[in-house]
Amino acid sequence: MKRLNYVIPIMIIVFILALRILNNNYPELSNQTNGLIALGGSILSGAISFFMFRKEQE
């Protein structure tokens, strides 16, 4: 469960930063599209970080 302590904050940070960048650089996109793009990026970054962190030693 230690991996999730890193994965969830990474996903939240990626989501917030992606929304901010999309809103600043692409104002012609709708908020729904921005949210979906940011959500996809955060899920992808969460999956990558989940598998990149080492497994816990017992």
C-alpha atoms as a PDB file:
ATOM      1  CA  MET A   1       0.000   0.000   0.000  1.00  0.00           C
ATOM      2  CA  LYS A   2       3.004   2.309   0.212  1.00  0.00           C
ATOM      3  CA  ARG A   3       2.988   2.676  -3.550  1.00  0.00           C
ATOM      4  CA  LEU A   4      -0.455   4.235  -3.439  1.00  0.00           C
ATOM      5  CA  ASN A   5       0.879   6.917  -1.100  1.00  0.00           C
ATOM      6  CA  TYR A   6       2.966   8.133  -4.051  1.00  0.00           C
ATOM      7  CA  VAL A   7       0.626   7.309  -6.922  1.00  0.00           C
ATOM      8  CA  ILE A   8      -2.435   9.242  -5.785  1.00  0.00           C
ATOM      9  CA  PRO A   9      -0.629  12.571  -5.178  1.00  0.00           C
ATOM     10  CA  ILE A  10       1.128  12.216  -8.546  1.00  0.00           C
ATOM     11  CA  MET A  11      -2.234  11.728 -10.244  1.00  0.00           C
ATOM     12  CA  ILE A  12      -3.714  14.773  -8.512  1.00  0.00           C
ATOM     13  CA  ILE A  13      -0.733  16.980  -9.399  1.00  0.00           C
ATOM     14  CA  VAL A  14      -0.808  15.867 -13.036  1.00  0.00           C
ATOM     15  CA  PHE A  15      -4.560  16.493 -13.250  1.00  0.00           C
ATOM     16  CA  ILE A  16      -4.293  20.022 -11.827  1.00  0.00           C
ATOM     17  CA  LEU A  17      -1.297  20.969 -13.968  1.00  0.00           C
ATOM     18  CA  ALA A  18      -2.866  19.531 -17.125  1.00  0.00           C
ATOM     19  CA  LEU A  19      -6.092  21.487 -16.556  1.00  0.00           C
ATOM     20  CA  ARG A  20      -4.145  24.677 -15.959  1.00  0.00           C
ATOM     21  CA  ILE A  21      -1.991  24.267 -19.068  1.00  0.00           C
ATOM     22  CA  LEU A  22      -4.973  23.358 -21.246  1.00  0.00           C
ATOM     23  CA  ASN A  23      -7.009  26.329 -20.013  1.00  0.00           C
ATOM     24  CA  ASN A  24      -4.150  28.762 -20.604  1.00  0.00           C
ATOM     25  CA  ASN A  25      -2.921  27.495 -23.979  1.00  0.00           C
ATOM     26  CA  TYR A  26      -6.113  26.187 -25.585  1.00  0.00           C
ATOM     27  CA  PRO A  27      -9.046  28.407 -24.568  1.00  0.00           C
ATOM     28  CA  GLU A  28     -11.075  27.286 -27.596  1.00  0.00           C
ATOM     29  CA  LEU A  29     -11.529  23.796 -26.095  1.00  0.00           C
ATOM     30  CA  SER A  30     -14.569  23.187 -23.917  1.00  0.00           C
ATOM     31  CA  ASN A  31     -14.226  22.486 -20.203  1.00  0.00           C
ATOM     32  CA  GLN A  32     -15.491  18.939 -20.711  1.00  0.00           C
ATOM     33  CA  THR A  33     -12.774  18.215 -23.274  1.00  0.00           C
ATOM     34  CA  ASN A  34     -10.132  19.726 -21.005  1.00  0.00           C
ATOM     35  CA  GLY A  35     -11.337  17.571 -18.135  1.00  0.00           C
ATOM     36  CA  LEU A  36     -11.282  14.401 -20.187  1.00  0.00           C
ATOM     37  CA  ILE A  37      -7.778  15.063 -21.492  1.00  0.00           C
ATOM     38  CA  ALA A  38      -6.509  15.862 -17.987  1.00  0.00           C
ATOM     39  CA  LEU A  39      -8.231  12.787 -16.550  1.00  0.00           C
ATOM     40  CA  GLY A  40      -6.662  10.544 -19.178  1.00  0.00           C
ATOM     41  CA  GLY A  41      -3.241  12.003 -18.489  1.00  0.00           C
ATOM     42  CA  SER A  42      -3.580  11.556 -14.751  1.00  0.00           C
ATOM     43  CA  ILE A  43      -4.727   7.938 -15.097  1.00  0.00           C
ATOM     44  CA  LEU A  44      -1.850   7.180 -17.449  1.00  0.00           C
ATOM     45  CA  SER A  45       0.698   8.813 -15.144  1.00  0.00           C
ATOM     46  CA  GLY A  46      -0.767   6.957 -12.165  1.00  0.00           C
ATOM     47  CA  ALA A  47      -0.502   3.609 -13.945  1.00  0.00           C
ATOM     48  CA  ILE A  48       3.079   4.295 -15.013  1.00  0.00           C
ATOM     49  CA  SER A  49       4.142   5.410 -11.543  1.00  0.00           C
ATOM     50  CA  PHE A  50       2.378   2.412  -9.936  1.00  0.00           C
ATOM     51  CA  PHE A  51       4.434  -0.033 -11.973  1.00  0.00           C
ATOM     52  CA  MET A  52       7.668   1.954 -11.790  1.00  0.00           C
ATOM     53  CA  PHE A  53       7.854   1.996  -7.994  1.00  0.00           C
ATOM     54  CA  ARG A  54       9.409  -1.089  -6.494  1.00  0.00           C
ATOM     55  CA  LYS A  55       7.283  -3.686  -4.827  1.00  0.00           C
ATOM     56  CA  GLU A  56       7.215  -3.704  -1.053  1.00  0.00           C
ATOM     57  CA  GLN A  57       9.586  -5.981   0.818  1.00  0.00           C
ATOM     58  CA  GLU A  58       7.884  -8.206   3.366  1.00  0.00           C
END
